[in-house]
Amino acid sequence: MNRPFPSRHSSPDAFVRVNGKIRAREVRVIGVDGKQLGVISLNDALAMARQHGVDLVEVAATAAPPVCRLVNLGKFRYEKAKKEKESKKHQHASIVKEVQLSPRIDPHDLGIKIQHAIGFLCEDMKVKVVLKFRGREMQHTEFGFDVVKKFLAELAPYGHPDFEPKLIGRGISVMVSPLPRNKRARNPYRVEGGSPALNSSPAKPVAPPKPGAPAPDEPSVGGYSNNPFANLQV
């Protein structure tokens, strides 16, 4: 059964009125070749669509009168999906992720920050690097610049700074943009299956058994797992 209105669970952009579902009496028609055909009645527009063997698709429902296009419905949906896909490619570039550092950051913590920043850049996101000074750390800002330069050197295969690190107030700030995909190195922290392996730690080694203790798979004396007389000397 055809619904005259969009479903409650469907997005407004997914619903498009076609042919007999168009409710306006007059429409502004765009021809098959893309030229404006003017404002005509809905019946004449439907007859024109049947004459060309295409559909009458409403492309601007809020206009007065609504704008309709003479086009094949399958072709129209394909072109619309292609435009949405192209727009999503540049959507991540507008997302900015912030990474905070300190002049006395631990080497392990610095490595974790680098992993996160590389993951963001490989997802086509910008990274804002901020290093904040506290108290007397402002007297030796050169240590902060050294940390930022080391951080940027690790990100060089994945992104480039938009400007040189600047001292603003009580901190150093710099913006890093991702390199193009064909010039960018692969994310070394991405495991099989597509998910990045952030904050991953190796498995802890198993300690060897103590002398005289039964092996894990070896049954104990008497058939008990915890025999209190196992180490008794007679």
C-alpha atoms as a PDB file:
ATOM      1  CA  MET A   1       0.000   0.000   0.000  1.00  0.00           C
ATOM      2  CA  ASN A   2       1.451   3.379  -1.038  1.00  0.00           C
ATOM      3  CA  ARG A   3       1.764   5.910   1.765  1.00  0.00           C
ATOM      4  CA  PRO A   4       0.958   9.578   0.924  1.00  0.00           C
ATOM      5  CA  PHE A   5       3.178  10.712   3.779  1.00  0.00           C
ATOM      6  CA  PRO A   6       6.676   9.607   4.879  1.00  0.00           C
ATOM      7  CA  SER A   7       7.001   6.897   7.478  1.00  0.00           C
ATOM      8  CA  ARG A   8       7.579   7.913  11.092  1.00  0.00           C
ATOM      9  CA  HIS A   9      10.944   6.112  11.155  1.00  0.00           C
ATOM     10  CA  SER A  10      12.224   7.426   7.804  1.00  0.00           C
ATOM     11  CA  SER A  11      14.288  10.588   7.366  1.00  0.00           C
ATOM     12  CA  PRO A  12      12.706  13.563   5.532  1.00  0.00           C
ATOM     13  CA  ASP A  13      15.439  13.511   2.873  1.00  0.00           C
ATOM     14  CA  ALA A  14      14.688   9.875   2.005  1.00  0.00           C
ATOM     15  CA  PHE A  15      11.053  10.652   1.058  1.00  0.00           C
ATOM     16  CA  VAL A  16      10.559  12.012  -2.459  1.00  0.00           C
ATOM     17  CA  ARG A  17       7.182  12.497  -4.116  1.00  0.00           C
ATOM     18  CA  VAL A  18       6.983  10.993  -7.573  1.00  0.00           C
ATOM     19  CA  ASN A  19       4.316  11.185 -10.311  1.00  0.00           C
ATOM     20  CA  GLY A  20       0.840  10.752  -8.778  1.00  0.00           C
ATOM     21  CA  LYS A  21       2.076  11.401  -5.225  1.00  0.00           C
ATOM     22  CA  ILE A  22       2.775  15.047  -6.041  1.00  0.00           C
ATOM     23  CA  ARG A  23      -0.034  17.117  -4.498  1.00  0.00           C
ATOM     24  CA  ALA A  24       0.495  20.571  -6.038  1.00  0.00           C
ATOM     25  CA  ARG A  25      -1.808  21.747  -8.817  1.00  0.00           C
ATOM     26  CA  GLU A  26       0.972  23.580 -10.647  1.00  0.00           C
ATOM     27  CA  VAL A  27       4.680  22.799 -10.722  1.00  0.00           C
ATOM     28  CA  ARG A  28       7.812  24.338 -12.137  1.00  0.00           C
ATOM     29  CA  VAL A  29       9.286  21.751 -14.487  1.00  0.00           C
ATOM     30  CA  ILE A  30      12.923  21.066 -15.368  1.00  0.00           C
ATOM     31  CA  GLY A  31      13.235  19.143 -18.618  1.00  0.00           C
ATOM     32  CA  VAL A  32      15.222  16.031 -19.418  1.00  0.00           C
ATOM     33  CA  ASP A  33      18.065  18.192 -20.755  1.00  0.00           C
ATOM     34  CA  GLY A  34      18.126  20.318 -17.581  1.00  0.00           C
ATOM     35  CA  LYS A  35      16.416  23.383 -19.082  1.00  0.00           C
ATOM     36  CA  GLN A  36      13.609  25.276 -17.381  1.00  0.00           C
ATOM     37  CA  LEU A  37      10.214  24.567 -18.965  1.00  0.00           C
ATOM     38  CA  GLY A  38       8.267  27.039 -16.851  1.00  0.00           C
ATOM     39  CA  VAL A  39       5.229  26.627 -14.601  1.00  0.00           C
ATOM     40  CA  ILE A  40       2.609  24.226 -15.945  1.00  0.00           C
ATOM     41  CA  SER A  41      -0.254  22.208 -14.483  1.00  0.00           C
ATOM     42  CA  LEU A  42       0.441  18.897 -12.796  1.00  0.00           C
ATOM     43  CA  ASN A  43      -1.555  16.936 -15.372  1.00  0.00           C
ATOM     44  CA  ASP A  44       0.420  18.468 -18.259  1.00  0.00           C
ATOM     45  CA  ALA A  45       3.685  17.721 -16.441  1.00  0.00           C
ATOM     46  CA  LEU A  46       2.657  14.080 -15.916  1.00  0.00           C
ATOM     47  CA  ALA A  47       1.712  13.775 -19.581  1.00  0.00           C
ATOM     48  CA  MET A  48       5.091  15.218 -20.549  1.00  0.00           C
ATOM     49  CA  ALA A  49       6.862  12.675 -18.326  1.00  0.00           C
ATOM     50  CA  ARG A  50       4.950   9.795 -19.925  1.00  0.00           C
ATOM     51  CA  GLN A  51       5.792  11.153 -23.352  1.00  0.00           C
ATOM     52  CA  HIS A  52       9.544  11.060 -22.600  1.00  0.00           C
ATOM     53  CA  GLY A  53       9.311   7.731 -20.756  1.00  0.00           C
ATOM     54  CA  VAL A  54      10.623   9.146 -17.453  1.00  0.00           C
ATOM     55  CA  ASP A  55       9.260  10.063 -14.016  1.00  0.00           C
ATOM     56  CA  LEU A  56       8.136  13.388 -12.626  1.00  0.00           C
ATOM     57  CA  VAL A  57      10.226  13.806  -9.458  1.00  0.00           C
ATOM     58  CA  GLU A  58       9.644  16.594  -6.938  1.00  0.00           C
ATOM     59  CA  VAL A  59      13.097  18.022  -6.157  1.00  0.00           C
ATOM     60  CA  ALA A  60      12.094  21.172  -4.210  1.00  0.00           C
ATOM     61  CA  ALA A  61       8.867  20.651  -2.277  1.00  0.00           C
ATOM     62  CA  THR A  62       9.130  23.899  -0.250  1.00  0.00           C
ATOM     63  CA  ALA A  63       9.334  26.147  -3.317  1.00  0.00           C
ATOM     64  CA  ALA A  64       6.244  27.989  -4.551  1.00  0.00           C
ATOM     65  CA  PRO A  65       5.271  26.362  -6.831  1.00  0.00           C
ATOM     66  CA  PRO A  66       7.201  23.118  -6.180  1.00  0.00           C
ATOM     67  CA  VAL A  67      10.045  22.310  -8.557  1.00  0.00           C
ATOM     68  CA  CYS A  68       9.826  18.989 -10.397  1.00  0.00           C
ATOM     69  CA  ARG A  69      12.281  17.313 -12.720  1.00  0.00           C
ATOM     70  CA  LEU A  70      11.752  14.989 -15.657  1.00  0.00           C
ATOM     71  CA  VAL A  71      14.168  12.165 -14.864  1.00  0.00           C
ATOM     72  CA  ASN A  72      14.312   8.444 -14.308  1.00  0.00           C
ATOM     73  CA  LEU A  73      13.715   7.741 -10.609  1.00  0.00           C
ATOM     74  CA  GLY A  74      16.569   5.224 -10.393  1.00  0.00           C
ATOM     75  CA  LYS A  75      18.992   7.672 -11.967  1.00  0.00           C
ATOM     76  CA  PHE A  76      17.822  10.440  -9.641  1.00  0.00           C
ATOM     77  CA  ARG A  77      18.423   8.314  -6.531  1.00  0.00           C
ATOM     78  CA  TYR A  78      21.844   7.225  -7.802  1.00  0.00           C
ATOM     79  CA  GLU A  79      22.942  10.824  -8.415  1.00  0.00           C
ATOM     80  CA  LYS A  80      21.652  11.875  -4.991  1.00  0.00           C
ATOM     81  CA  ALA A  81      23.469   9.027  -3.223  1.00  0.00           C
ATOM     82  CA  LYS A  82      26.673   9.861  -5.111  1.00  0.00           C
ATOM     83  CA  LYS A  83      26.531  13.510  -4.024  1.00  0.00           C
ATOM     84  CA  GLU A  84      25.965  12.511  -0.393  1.00  0.00           C
ATOM     85  CA  LYS A  85      28.934  10.145  -0.546  1.00  0.00           C
ATOM     86  CA  GLU A  86      31.187  12.870  -1.955  1.00  0.00           C
ATOM     87  CA  SER A  87      30.114  15.307   0.743  1.00  0.00           C
ATOM     88  CA  LYS A  88      30.875  12.779   3.510  1.00  0.00           C
ATOM     89  CA  LYS A  89      34.467  12.436   2.273  1.00  0.00           C
ATOM     90  CA  HIS A  90      35.168  16.033   3.305  1.00  0.00           C
ATOM     91  CA  GLN A  91      33.091  15.883   6.475  1.00  0.00           C
ATOM     92  CA  HIS A  92      35.896  14.536   8.710  1.00  0.00           C
ATOM     93  CA  ALA A  93      38.220  17.360   7.684  1.00  0.00           C
ATOM     94  CA  SER A  94      36.078  19.798   9.678  1.00  0.00           C
ATOM     95  CA  ILE A  95      36.314  17.690  12.871  1.00  0.00           C
ATOM     96  CA  VAL A  96      39.060  18.815  15.261  1.00  0.00           C
ATOM     97  CA  LYS A  97      40.396  16.575  18.031  1.00  0.00           C
ATOM     98  CA  GLU A  98      42.482  18.091  20.830  1.00  0.00           C
ATOM     99  CA  VAL A  99      45.518  16.431  22.378  1.00  0.00           C
ATOM    100  CA  GLN A 100      46.941  17.959  25.567  1.00  0.00           C
ATOM    101  CA  LEU A 101      50.587  17.673  26.569  1.00  0.00           C
ATOM    102  CA  SER A 102      52.790  18.896  29.411  1.00  0.00           C
ATOM    103  CA  PRO A 103      56.495  19.827  29.561  1.00  0.00           C
ATOM    104  CA  ARG A 104      57.221  16.935  31.941  1.00  0.00           C
ATOM    105  CA  ILE A 105      55.063  14.318  30.293  1.00  0.00           C
ATOM    106  CA  ASP A 106      56.026  10.693  30.879  1.00  0.00           C
ATOM    107  CA  PRO A 107      57.484   8.910  27.801  1.00  0.00           C
ATOM    108  CA  HIS A 108      54.790   6.218  28.030  1.00  0.00           C
ATOM    109  CA  ASP A 109      52.016   8.827  28.192  1.00  0.00           C
ATOM    110  CA  LEU A 110      53.592  10.635  25.245  1.00  0.00           C
ATOM    111  CA  GLY A 111      53.492   7.412  23.232  1.00  0.00           C
ATOM    112  CA  ILE A 112      49.790   6.967  24.013  1.00  0.00           C
ATOM    113  CA  LYS A 113      49.097  10.563  22.916  1.00  0.00           C
ATOM    114  CA  ILE A 114      50.968   9.900  19.676  1.00  0.00           C
ATOM    115  CA  GLN A 115      48.867   6.790  19.033  1.00  0.00           C
ATOM    116  CA  HIS A 116      45.657   8.758  19.497  1.00  0.00           C
ATOM    117  CA  ALA A 117      46.828  11.587  17.239  1.00  0.00           C
ATOM    118  CA  ILE A 118      47.867   9.170  14.470  1.00  0.00           C
ATOM    119  CA  GLY A 119      44.473   7.485  14.703  1.00  0.00           C
ATOM    120  CA  PHE A 120      42.686  10.823  14.322  1.00  0.00           C
ATOM    121  CA  LEU A 121      44.807  11.864  11.344  1.00  0.00           C
ATOM    122  CA  CYS A 122      44.253   8.512   9.621  1.00  0.00           C
ATOM    123  CA  GLU A 123      40.507   9.136   9.999  1.00  0.00           C
ATOM    124  CA  ASP A 124      40.889  12.486   8.148  1.00  0.00           C
ATOM    125  CA  MET A 125      40.459  14.562  11.302  1.00  0.00           C
ATOM    126  CA  LYS A 126      42.498  17.575  12.345  1.00  0.00           C
ATOM    127  CA  VAL A 127      44.484  17.466  15.576  1.00  0.00           C
ATOM    128  CA  LYS A 128      44.985  20.478  17.820  1.00  0.00           C
ATOM    129  CA  VAL A 129      48.075  20.028  19.973  1.00  0.00           C
ATOM    130  CA  VAL A 130      48.050  22.051  23.201  1.00  0.00           C
ATOM    131  CA  LEU A 131      50.863  22.108  25.766  1.00  0.00           C
ATOM    132  CA  LYS A 132      50.101  23.946  29.015  1.00  0.00           C
ATOM    133  CA  PHE A 133      52.621  25.381  31.478  1.00  0.00           C
ATOM    134  CA  ARG A 134      52.010  25.435  35.211  1.00  0.00           C
ATOM    135  CA  GLY A 135      53.655  27.649  37.808  1.00  0.00           C
ATOM    136  CA  ARG A 136      57.406  28.069  37.297  1.00  0.00           C
ATOM    137  CA  GLU A 137      57.365  26.006  34.101  1.00  0.00           C
ATOM    138  CA  MET A 138      56.842  29.301  32.258  1.00  0.00           C
ATOM    139  CA  GLN A 139      60.466  30.195  33.028  1.00  0.00           C
ATOM    140  CA  HIS A 140      61.687  27.365  30.779  1.00  0.00           C
ATOM    141  CA  THR A 141      59.354  27.315  27.788  1.00  0.00           C
ATOM    142  CA  GLU A 142      62.119  25.774  25.672  1.00  0.00           C
ATOM    143  CA  PHE A 143      61.367  22.390  27.267  1.00  0.00           C
ATOM    144  CA  GLY A 144      57.772  22.670  26.134  1.00  0.00           C
ATOM    145  CA  PHE A 145      58.805  23.492  22.573  1.00  0.00           C
ATOM    146  CA  ASP A 146      61.105  20.461  22.581  1.00  0.00           C
ATOM    147  CA  VAL A 147      58.175  18.205  23.532  1.00  0.00           C
ATOM    148  CA  VAL A 148      55.942  19.697  20.836  1.00  0.00           C
ATOM    149  CA  LYS A 149      58.651  19.368  18.170  1.00  0.00           C
ATOM    150  CA  LYS A 150      59.218  15.733  19.132  1.00  0.00           C
ATOM    151  CA  PHE A 151      55.470  15.140  18.963  1.00  0.00           C
ATOM    152  CA  LEU A 152      55.206  16.725  15.504  1.00  0.00           C
ATOM    153  CA  ALA A 153      58.177  14.701  14.257  1.00  0.00           C
ATOM    154  CA  GLU A 154      56.311  11.482  15.115  1.00  0.00           C
ATOM    155  CA  LEU A 155      53.241  12.737  13.226  1.00  0.00           C
ATOM    156  CA  ALA A 156      55.171  13.800  10.099  1.00  0.00           C
ATOM    157  CA  PRO A 157      54.253  10.683   8.027  1.00  0.00           C
ATOM    158  CA  TYR A 158      50.547  11.278   8.759  1.00  0.00           C
ATOM    159  CA  GLY A 159      50.013  15.046   8.961  1.00  0.00           C
ATOM    160  CA  HIS A 160      51.634  18.450   8.682  1.00  0.00           C
ATOM    161  CA  PRO A 161      51.322  21.500  10.972  1.00  0.00           C
ATOM    162  CA  ASP A 162      49.319  24.390   9.548  1.00  0.00           C
ATOM    163  CA  PHE A 163      51.705  26.854  11.232  1.00  0.00           C
ATOM    164  CA  GLU A 164      54.714  26.857  13.523  1.00  0.00           C
ATOM    165  CA  PRO A 165      54.013  26.160  17.226  1.00  0.00           C
ATOM    166  CA  LYS A 166      53.095  29.414  18.969  1.00  0.00           C
ATOM    167  CA  LEU A 167      53.250  30.455  22.607  1.00  0.00           C
ATOM    168  CA  ILE A 168      49.780  31.780  23.435  1.00  0.00           C
ATOM    169  CA  GLY A 169      49.225  32.806  27.053  1.00  0.00           C
ATOM    170  CA  ARG A 170      50.492  29.996  29.278  1.00  0.00           C
ATOM    171  CA  GLY A 171      50.615  27.330  26.593  1.00  0.00           C
ATOM    172  CA  ILE A 172      51.884  26.278  23.174  1.00  0.00           C
ATOM    173  CA  SER A 173      49.366  25.570  20.436  1.00  0.00           C
ATOM    174  CA  VAL A 174      49.612  24.141  16.928  1.00  0.00           C
ATOM    175  CA  MET A 175      47.110  22.675  14.451  1.00  0.00           C
ATOM    176  CA  VAL A 176      47.960  19.513  12.470  1.00  0.00           C
ATOM    177  CA  SER A 177      46.076  18.630   9.255  1.00  0.00           C
ATOM    178  CA  PRO A 178      46.041  15.122   7.759  1.00  0.00           C
ATOM    179  CA  LEU A 179      48.071  14.410   4.658  1.00  0.00           C
ATOM    180  CA  PRO A 180      46.276  13.221   1.487  1.00  0.00           C
ATOM    181  CA  ARG A 181      45.502   9.527   1.503  1.00  0.00           C
ATOM    182  CA  ASN A 182      47.960   8.777  -1.311  1.00  0.00           C
ATOM    183  CA  LYS A 183      50.807  10.462   0.611  1.00  0.00           C
ATOM    184  CA  ARG A 184      49.882   9.337   4.115  1.00  0.00           C
ATOM    185  CA  ALA A 185      51.474   6.354   5.833  1.00  0.00           C
ATOM    186  CA  ARG A 186      49.284   3.521   7.053  1.00  0.00           C
ATOM    187  CA  ASN A 187      48.194   3.465  10.672  1.00  0.00           C
ATOM    188  CA  PRO A 188      50.647   1.103  12.418  1.00  0.00           C
ATOM    189  CA  TYR A 189      48.309   0.754  15.397  1.00  0.00           C
ATOM    190  CA  ARG A 190      45.365  -0.634  13.407  1.00  0.00           C
ATOM    191  CA  VAL A 191      44.810  -4.347  13.859  1.00  0.00           C
ATOM    192  CA  GLU A 192      42.996  -6.768  11.555  1.00  0.00           C
ATOM    193  CA  GLY A 193      39.284  -6.051  11.466  1.00  0.00           C
ATOM    194  CA  GLY A 194      39.655  -2.291  11.086  1.00  0.00           C
ATOM    195  CA  SER A 195      39.703  -1.172  14.736  1.00  0.00           C
ATOM    196  CA  PRO A 196      42.725   0.761  16.032  1.00  0.00           C
ATOM    197  CA  ALA A 197      44.670  -0.945  18.790  1.00  0.00           C
ATOM    198  CA  LEU A 198      44.940   2.000  21.188  1.00  0.00           C
ATOM    199  CA  ASN A 199      46.096   1.534  24.780  1.00  0.00           C
ATOM    200  CA  SER A 200      46.847  -2.094  24.011  1.00  0.00           C
ATOM    201  CA  SER A 201      49.293  -3.788  26.365  1.00  0.00           C
ATOM    202  CA  PRO A 202      51.058  -7.119  25.852  1.00  0.00           C
ATOM    203  CA  ALA A 203      49.955 -10.144  27.813  1.00  0.00           C
ATOM    204  CA  LYS A 204      51.681 -10.676  31.141  1.00  0.00           C
ATOM    205  CA  PRO A 205      54.201 -13.550  31.187  1.00  0.00           C
ATOM    206  CA  VAL A 206      53.261 -16.581  33.237  1.00  0.00           C
ATOM    207  CA  ALA A 207      55.598 -17.258  36.165  1.00  0.00           C
ATOM    208  CA  PRO A 208      57.260 -20.699  36.171  1.00  0.00           C
ATOM    209  CA  PRO A 209      55.987 -23.167  38.808  1.00  0.00           C
ATOM    210  CA  LYS A 210      57.866 -23.406  42.097  1.00  0.00           C
ATOM    211  CA  PRO A 211      60.150 -26.417  42.713  1.00  0.00           C
ATOM    212  CA  GLY A 212      58.238 -29.346  44.142  1.00  0.00           C
ATOM    213  CA  ALA A 213      54.823 -28.002  43.110  1.00  0.00           C
ATOM    214  CA  PRO A 214      52.685 -30.195  40.808  1.00  0.00           C
ATOM    215  CA  ALA A 215      52.351 -29.166  37.180  1.00  0.00           C
ATOM    216  CA  PRO A 216      49.051 -27.472  36.164  1.00  0.00           C
ATOM    217  CA  ASP A 217      47.911 -30.480  34.117  1.00  0.00           C
ATOM    218  CA  GLU A 218      49.443 -33.117  36.446  1.00  0.00           C
ATOM    219  CA  PRO A 219      46.978 -34.738  38.889  1.00  0.00           C
ATOM    220  CA  SER A 220      47.895 -34.407  42.540  1.00  0.00           C
ATOM    221  CA  VAL A 221      48.416 -37.295  44.954  1.00  0.00           C
ATOM    222  CA  GLY A 222      45.207 -38.919  46.036  1.00  0.00           C
ATOM    223  CA  GLY A 223      43.191 -37.328  43.283  1.00  0.00           C
ATOM    224  CA  TYR A 224      42.716 -34.066  45.192  1.00  0.00           C
ATOM    225  CA  SER A 225      43.636 -30.767  43.601  1.00  0.00           C
ATOM    226  CA  ASN A 226      44.800 -29.300  46.942  1.00  0.00           C
ATOM    227  CA  ASN A 227      46.302 -32.233  48.857  1.00  0.00           C
ATOM    228  CA  PRO A 228      47.596 -31.017  52.275  1.00  0.00           C
ATOM    229  CA  PHE A 229      49.892 -34.084  52.539  1.00  0.00           C
ATOM    230  CA  ALA A 230      51.531 -33.670  49.114  1.00  0.00           C
ATOM    231  CA  ASN A 231      54.800 -32.221  50.508  1.00  0.00           C
ATOM    232  CA  LEU A 232      54.878 -34.268  53.764  1.00  0.00           C
ATOM    233  CA  GLN A 233      58.141 -36.139  54.291  1.00  0.00           C
ATOM    234  CA  VAL A 234      57.962 -39.418  56.278  1.00  0.00           C
END
